[in-house]
Amino acid sequence: AQGSDGGGSIRIPASCCGLVGLKPSRG
């Protein structure tokens, strides 16, 4: 599922839901 992350918004739900969540480098 597509997501986005401006302050943790991919990684926070990844942790809560037991998933892999990557915030790529800026750009």
PDB file of all heavy atoms in Angstrom:
ATOM      1  N   ALA A   1       0.850  -1.193   0.000  1.00  0.00           N
ATOM      2  CA  ALA A   1       0.000   0.000   0.000  1.00  0.00           C
ATOM      3  C   ALA A   1       0.881   1.236   0.000  1.00  0.00           C
ATOM      4  O   ALA A   1       1.876   1.298   0.721  1.00  0.00           O
ATOM      5  CB  ALA A   1      -0.934   0.016   1.214  1.00  0.00           C
ATOM      6  N   GLN A   2       0.502   2.197  -0.813  1.00  0.00           N
ATOM      7  CA  GLN A   2       1.277   3.443  -0.884  1.00  0.00           C
ATOM      8  C   GLN A   2       1.058   4.275   0.372  1.00  0.00           C
ATOM      9  O   GLN A   2      -0.044   4.336   0.913  1.00  0.00           O
ATOM     10  CB  GLN A   2       0.858   4.230  -2.132  1.00  0.00           C
ATOM     11  CG  GLN A   2       1.625   5.527  -2.347  1.00  0.00           C
ATOM     12  CD  GLN A   2       0.880   6.746  -1.816  1.00  0.00           C
ATOM     13  OE1 GLN A   2      -0.351   6.784  -1.822  1.00  0.00           O
ATOM     14  NE2 GLN A   2       1.610   7.740  -1.334  1.00  0.00           N
ATOM     15  N   GLY A   3       2.137   4.898   0.837  1.00  0.00           N
ATOM     16  CA  GLY A   3       2.071   5.786   1.988  1.00  0.00           C
ATOM     17  C   GLY A   3       2.978   6.977   1.791  1.00  0.00           C
ATOM     18  O   GLY A   3       3.604   7.136   0.740  1.00  0.00           O
ATOM     19  N   SER A   4       3.048   7.825   2.795  1.00  0.00           N
ATOM     20  CA  SER A   4       3.946   8.979   2.749  1.00  0.00           C
ATOM     21  C   SER A   4       4.430   9.276   4.154  1.00  0.00           C
ATOM     22  O   SER A   4       3.813   8.871   5.141  1.00  0.00           O
ATOM     23  CB  SER A   4       3.261  10.198   2.123  1.00  0.00           C
ATOM     24  OG  SER A   4       2.040  10.482   2.788  1.00  0.00           O
ATOM     25  N   ASP A   5       5.545   9.999   4.236  1.00  0.00           N
ATOM     26  CA  ASP A   5       6.240  10.148   5.516  1.00  0.00           C
ATOM     27  C   ASP A   5       6.874  11.535   5.601  1.00  0.00           C
ATOM     28  O   ASP A   5       7.862  11.820   4.937  1.00  0.00           O
ATOM     29  CB  ASP A   5       7.316   9.058   5.624  1.00  0.00           C
ATOM     30  CG  ASP A   5       7.933   8.939   7.003  1.00  0.00           C
ATOM     31  OD1 ASP A   5       8.250   9.989   7.596  1.00  0.00           O
ATOM     32  OD2 ASP A   5       8.122   7.806   7.476  1.00  0.00           O
ATOM     33  N   GLY A   6       6.268  12.417   6.439  1.00  0.00           N
ATOM     34  CA  GLY A   6       6.832  13.748   6.649  1.00  0.00           C
ATOM     35  C   GLY A   6       7.441  13.932   8.015  1.00  0.00           C
ATOM     36  O   GLY A   6       8.174  14.888   8.249  1.00  0.00           O
ATOM     37  N   GLY A   7       7.126  13.003   8.939  1.00  0.00           N
ATOM     38  CA  GLY A   7       7.698  13.067  10.278  1.00  0.00           C
ATOM     39  C   GLY A   7       7.697  11.694  10.936  1.00  0.00           C
ATOM     40  O   GLY A   7       7.862  11.584  12.145  1.00  0.00           O
ATOM     41  N   GLY A   8       7.468  10.671  10.099  1.00  0.00           N
ATOM     42  CA  GLY A   8       7.403   9.300  10.587  1.00  0.00           C
ATOM     43  C   GLY A   8       6.185   8.552  10.098  1.00  0.00           C
ATOM     44  O   GLY A   8       5.900   7.439  10.541  1.00  0.00           O
ATOM     45  N   SER A   9       5.437   9.124   9.159  1.00  0.00           N
ATOM     46  CA  SER A   9       4.094   8.639   8.827  1.00  0.00           C
ATOM     47  C   SER A   9       4.040   7.329   8.072  1.00  0.00           C
ATOM     48  O   SER A   9       2.950   6.781   7.885  1.00  0.00           O
ATOM     49  CB  SER A   9       3.337   9.713   8.029  1.00  0.00           C
ATOM     50  OG  SER A   9       2.995  10.791   8.855  1.00  0.00           O
ATOM     51  N   ILE A  10       5.161   6.801   7.608  1.00  0.00           N
ATOM     52  CA  ILE A  10       5.236   5.420   7.127  1.00  0.00           C
ATOM     53  C   ILE A  10       5.739   4.518   8.236  1.00  0.00           C
ATOM     54  O   ILE A  10       5.204   3.430   8.480  1.00  0.00           O
ATOM     55  CB  ILE A  10       6.145   5.308   5.882  1.00  0.00           C
ATOM     56  CG1 ILE A  10       5.465   5.923   4.664  1.00  0.00           C
ATOM     57  CG2 ILE A  10       6.516   3.845   5.598  1.00  0.00           C
ATOM     58  CD1 ILE A  10       6.333   5.965   3.418  1.00  0.00           C
ATOM     59  N   ARG A  11       6.772   4.961   8.949  1.00  0.00           N
ATOM     60  CA  ARG A  11       7.421   4.095   9.939  1.00  0.00           C
ATOM     61  C   ARG A  11       6.588   3.914  11.206  1.00  0.00           C
ATOM     62  O   ARG A  11       6.596   2.844  11.821  1.00  0.00           O
ATOM     63  CB  ARG A  11       8.794   4.681  10.277  1.00  0.00           C
ATOM     64  CG  ARG A  11       9.776   4.605   9.090  1.00  0.00           C
ATOM     65  CD  ARG A  11      10.898   5.617   9.218  1.00  0.00           C
ATOM     66  NE  ARG A  11      10.413   6.975   9.030  1.00  0.00           N
ATOM     67  CZ  ARG A  11      10.813   8.021   9.738  1.00  0.00           C
ATOM     68  NH1 ARG A  11      11.711   7.875  10.698  1.00  0.00           N
ATOM     69  NH2 ARG A  11      10.334   9.224   9.490  1.00  0.00           N
ATOM     70  N   ILE A  12       5.846   4.936  11.607  1.00  0.00           N
ATOM     71  CA  ILE A  12       5.001   4.824  12.802  1.00  0.00           C
ATOM     72  C   ILE A  12       3.938   3.735  12.619  1.00  0.00           C
ATOM     73  O   ILE A  12       3.836   2.822  13.447  1.00  0.00           O
ATOM     74  CB  ILE A  12       4.366   6.184  13.146  1.00  0.00           C
ATOM     75  CG1 ILE A  12       5.451   7.184  13.558  1.00  0.00           C
ATOM     76  CG2 ILE A  12       3.328   6.036  14.257  1.00  0.00           C
ATOM     77  CD1 ILE A  12       4.981   8.639  13.541  1.00  0.00           C
ATOM     78  N   PRO A  13       3.125   3.775  11.544  1.00  0.00           N
ATOM     79  CA  PRO A  13       2.167   2.694  11.362  1.00  0.00           C
ATOM     80  C   PRO A  13       2.813   1.349  11.058  1.00  0.00           C
ATOM     81  O   PRO A  13       2.248   0.303  11.382  1.00  0.00           O
ATOM     82  CB  PRO A  13       1.289   3.179  10.196  1.00  0.00           C
ATOM     83  CG  PRO A  13       2.070   4.252   9.535  1.00  0.00           C
ATOM     84  CD  PRO A  13       2.917   4.868  10.577  1.00  0.00           C
ATOM     85  N   ALA A  14       4.004   1.362  10.449  1.00  0.00           N
ATOM     86  CA  ALA A  14       4.704   0.085  10.238  1.00  0.00           C
ATOM     87  C   ALA A  14       4.991  -0.577  11.576  1.00  0.00           C
ATOM     88  O   ALA A  14       4.827  -1.790  11.741  1.00  0.00           O
ATOM     89  CB  ALA A  14       6.003   0.315   9.470  1.00  0.00           C
ATOM     90  N   SER A  15       5.417   0.219  12.553  1.00  0.00           N
ATOM     91  CA  SER A  15       5.690  -0.324  13.880  1.00  0.00           C
ATOM     92  C   SER A  15       4.411  -0.803  14.546  1.00  0.00           C
ATOM     93  O   SER A  15       4.363  -1.902  15.115  1.00  0.00           O
ATOM     94  CB  SER A  15       6.377   0.733  14.751  1.00  0.00           C
ATOM     95  OG  SER A  15       6.702   0.223  16.025  1.00  0.00           O
ATOM     96  N   CYS A  16       3.348  -0.019  14.480  1.00  0.00           N
ATOM     97  CA  CYS A  16       2.083  -0.380  15.127  1.00  0.00           C
ATOM     98  C   CYS A  16       1.451  -1.624  14.516  1.00  0.00           C
ATOM     99  O   CYS A  16       0.715  -2.347  15.198  1.00  0.00           O
ATOM    100  CB  CYS A  16       1.099   0.783  15.040  1.00  0.00           C
ATOM    101  SG  CYS A  16       1.500   2.208  16.077  1.00  0.00           S
ATOM    102  N   CYS A  17       1.725  -1.870  13.232  1.00  0.00           N
ATOM    103  CA  CYS A  17       1.054  -2.965  12.524  1.00  0.00           C
ATOM    104  C   CYS A  17       1.987  -4.103  12.157  1.00  0.00           C
ATOM    105  O   CYS A  17       1.585  -5.033  11.449  1.00  0.00           O
ATOM    106  CB  CYS A  17       0.372  -2.423  11.272  1.00  0.00           C
ATOM    107  SG  CYS A  17      -0.995  -1.292  11.632  1.00  0.00           S
ATOM    108  N   GLY A  18       3.240  -4.070  12.613  1.00  0.00           N
ATOM    109  CA  GLY A  18       4.159  -5.172  12.367  1.00  0.00           C
ATOM    110  C   GLY A  18       4.565  -5.311  10.910  1.00  0.00           C
ATOM    111  O   GLY A  18       4.615  -6.419  10.372  1.00  0.00           O
ATOM    112  N   LEU A  19       4.891  -4.191  10.254  1.00  0.00           N
ATOM    113  CA  LEU A  19       5.201  -4.169   8.828  1.00  0.00           C
ATOM    114  C   LEU A  19       6.583  -3.580   8.571  1.00  0.00           C
ATOM    115  O   LEU A  19       7.234  -3.042   9.456  1.00  0.00           O
ATOM    116  CB  LEU A  19       4.154  -3.337   8.076  1.00  0.00           C
ATOM    117  CG  LEU A  19       2.709  -3.803   8.188  1.00  0.00           C
ATOM    118  CD1 LEU A  19       1.794  -2.804   7.509  1.00  0.00           C
ATOM    119  CD2 LEU A  19       2.532  -5.195   7.585  1.00  0.00           C
ATOM    120  N   VAL A  20       6.978  -3.678   7.308  1.00  0.00           N
ATOM    121  CA  VAL A  20       8.179  -3.010   6.820  1.00  0.00           C
ATOM    122  C   VAL A  20       7.775  -1.650   6.283  1.00  0.00           C
ATOM    123  O   VAL A  20       6.847  -1.546   5.465  1.00  0.00           O
ATOM    124  CB  VAL A  20       8.857  -3.832   5.707  1.00  0.00           C
ATOM    125  CG1 VAL A  20      10.076  -3.086   5.153  1.00  0.00           C
ATOM    126  CG2 VAL A  20       9.268  -5.202   6.230  1.00  0.00           C
ATOM    127  N   GLY A  21       8.442  -0.601   6.747  1.00  0.00           N
ATOM    128  CA  GLY A  21       8.124   0.750   6.285  1.00  0.00           C
ATOM    129  C   GLY A  21       9.380   1.562   6.078  1.00  0.00           C
ATOM    130  O   GLY A  21      10.093   1.867   7.043  1.00  0.00           O
ATOM    131  N   LEU A  22       9.672   1.921   4.838  1.00  0.00           N
ATOM    132  CA  LEU A  22      10.884   2.670   4.484  1.00  0.00           C
ATOM    133  C   LEU A  22      10.557   4.117   4.167  1.00  0.00           C
ATOM    134  O   LEU A  22       9.678   4.398   3.339  1.00  0.00           O
ATOM    135  CB  LEU A  22      11.554   2.026   3.269  1.00  0.00           C
ATOM    136  CG  LEU A  22      12.699   2.825   2.612  1.00  0.00           C
ATOM    137  CD1 LEU A  22      13.912   2.906   3.525  1.00  0.00           C
ATOM    138  CD2 LEU A  22      13.079   2.228   1.260  1.00  0.00           C
ATOM    139  N   LYS A  23      11.261   5.031   4.830  1.00  0.00           N
ATOM    140  CA  LYS A  23      11.295   6.434   4.398  1.00  0.00           C
ATOM    141  C   LYS A  23      12.557   6.621   3.567  1.00  0.00           C
ATOM    142  O   LYS A  23      13.659   6.560   4.091  1.00  0.00           O
ATOM    143  CB  LYS A  23      11.338   7.398   5.575  1.00  0.00           C
ATOM    144  CG  LYS A  23      11.280   8.871   5.133  1.00  0.00           C
ATOM    145  CD  LYS A  23      11.939   9.821   6.113  1.00  0.00           C
ATOM    146  CE  LYS A  23      13.433   9.876   5.941  1.00  0.00           C
ATOM    147  NZ  LYS A  23      13.860  10.581   4.693  1.00  0.00           N
ATOM    148  N   PRO A  24      12.440   6.827   2.264  1.00  0.00           N
ATOM    149  CA  PRO A  24      13.632   6.995   1.441  1.00  0.00           C
ATOM    150  C   PRO A  24      14.348   8.318   1.731  1.00  0.00           C
ATOM    151  O   PRO A  24      13.829   9.196   2.435  1.00  0.00           O
ATOM    152  CB  PRO A  24      13.081   6.982   0.008  1.00  0.00           C
ATOM    153  CG  PRO A  24      11.706   6.394   0.117  1.00  0.00           C
ATOM    154  CD  PRO A  24      11.214   6.782   1.480  1.00  0.00           C
ATOM    155  N   SER A  25      15.546   8.453   1.187  1.00  0.00           N
ATOM    156  CA  SER A  25      16.298   9.698   1.306  1.00  0.00           C
ATOM    157  C   SER A  25      15.524  10.857   0.679  1.00  0.00           C
ATOM    158  O   SER A  25      14.721  10.669  -0.242  1.00  0.00           O
ATOM    159  CB  SER A  25      17.642   9.586   0.590  1.00  0.00           C
ATOM    160  OG  SER A  25      18.477   8.636   1.187  1.00  0.00           O
ATOM    161  N   ARG A  26      15.804  12.051   1.177  1.00  0.00           N
ATOM    162  CA  ARG A  26      15.208  13.243   0.580  1.00  0.00           C
ATOM    163  C   ARG A  26      15.549  13.296  -0.920  1.00  0.00           C
ATOM    164  O   ARG A  26      16.716  13.198  -1.311  1.00  0.00           O
ATOM    165  CB  ARG A  26      15.737  14.492   1.269  1.00  0.00           C
ATOM    166  CG  ARG A  26      15.186  15.809   0.713  1.00  0.00           C
ATOM    167  CD  ARG A  26      15.685  16.992   1.522  1.00  0.00           C
ATOM    168  NE  ARG A  26      15.186  16.926   2.885  1.00  0.00           N
ATOM    169  CZ  ARG A  26      15.917  17.198   3.968  1.00  0.00           C
ATOM    170  NH1 ARG A  26      17.207  17.510   3.842  1.00  0.00           N
ATOM    171  NH2 ARG A  26      15.376  17.129   5.169  1.00  0.00           N
ATOM    172  N   GLY A  27      14.524  13.404  -1.741  1.00  0.00           N
ATOM    173  CA  GLY A  27      14.726  13.490  -3.177  1.00  0.00           C
ATOM    174  C   GLY A  27      14.760  12.162  -3.893  1.00  0.00           C
ATOM    175  O   GLY A  27      14.722  12.127  -5.129  1.00  0.00           O
TER     176      GLY A  27
END
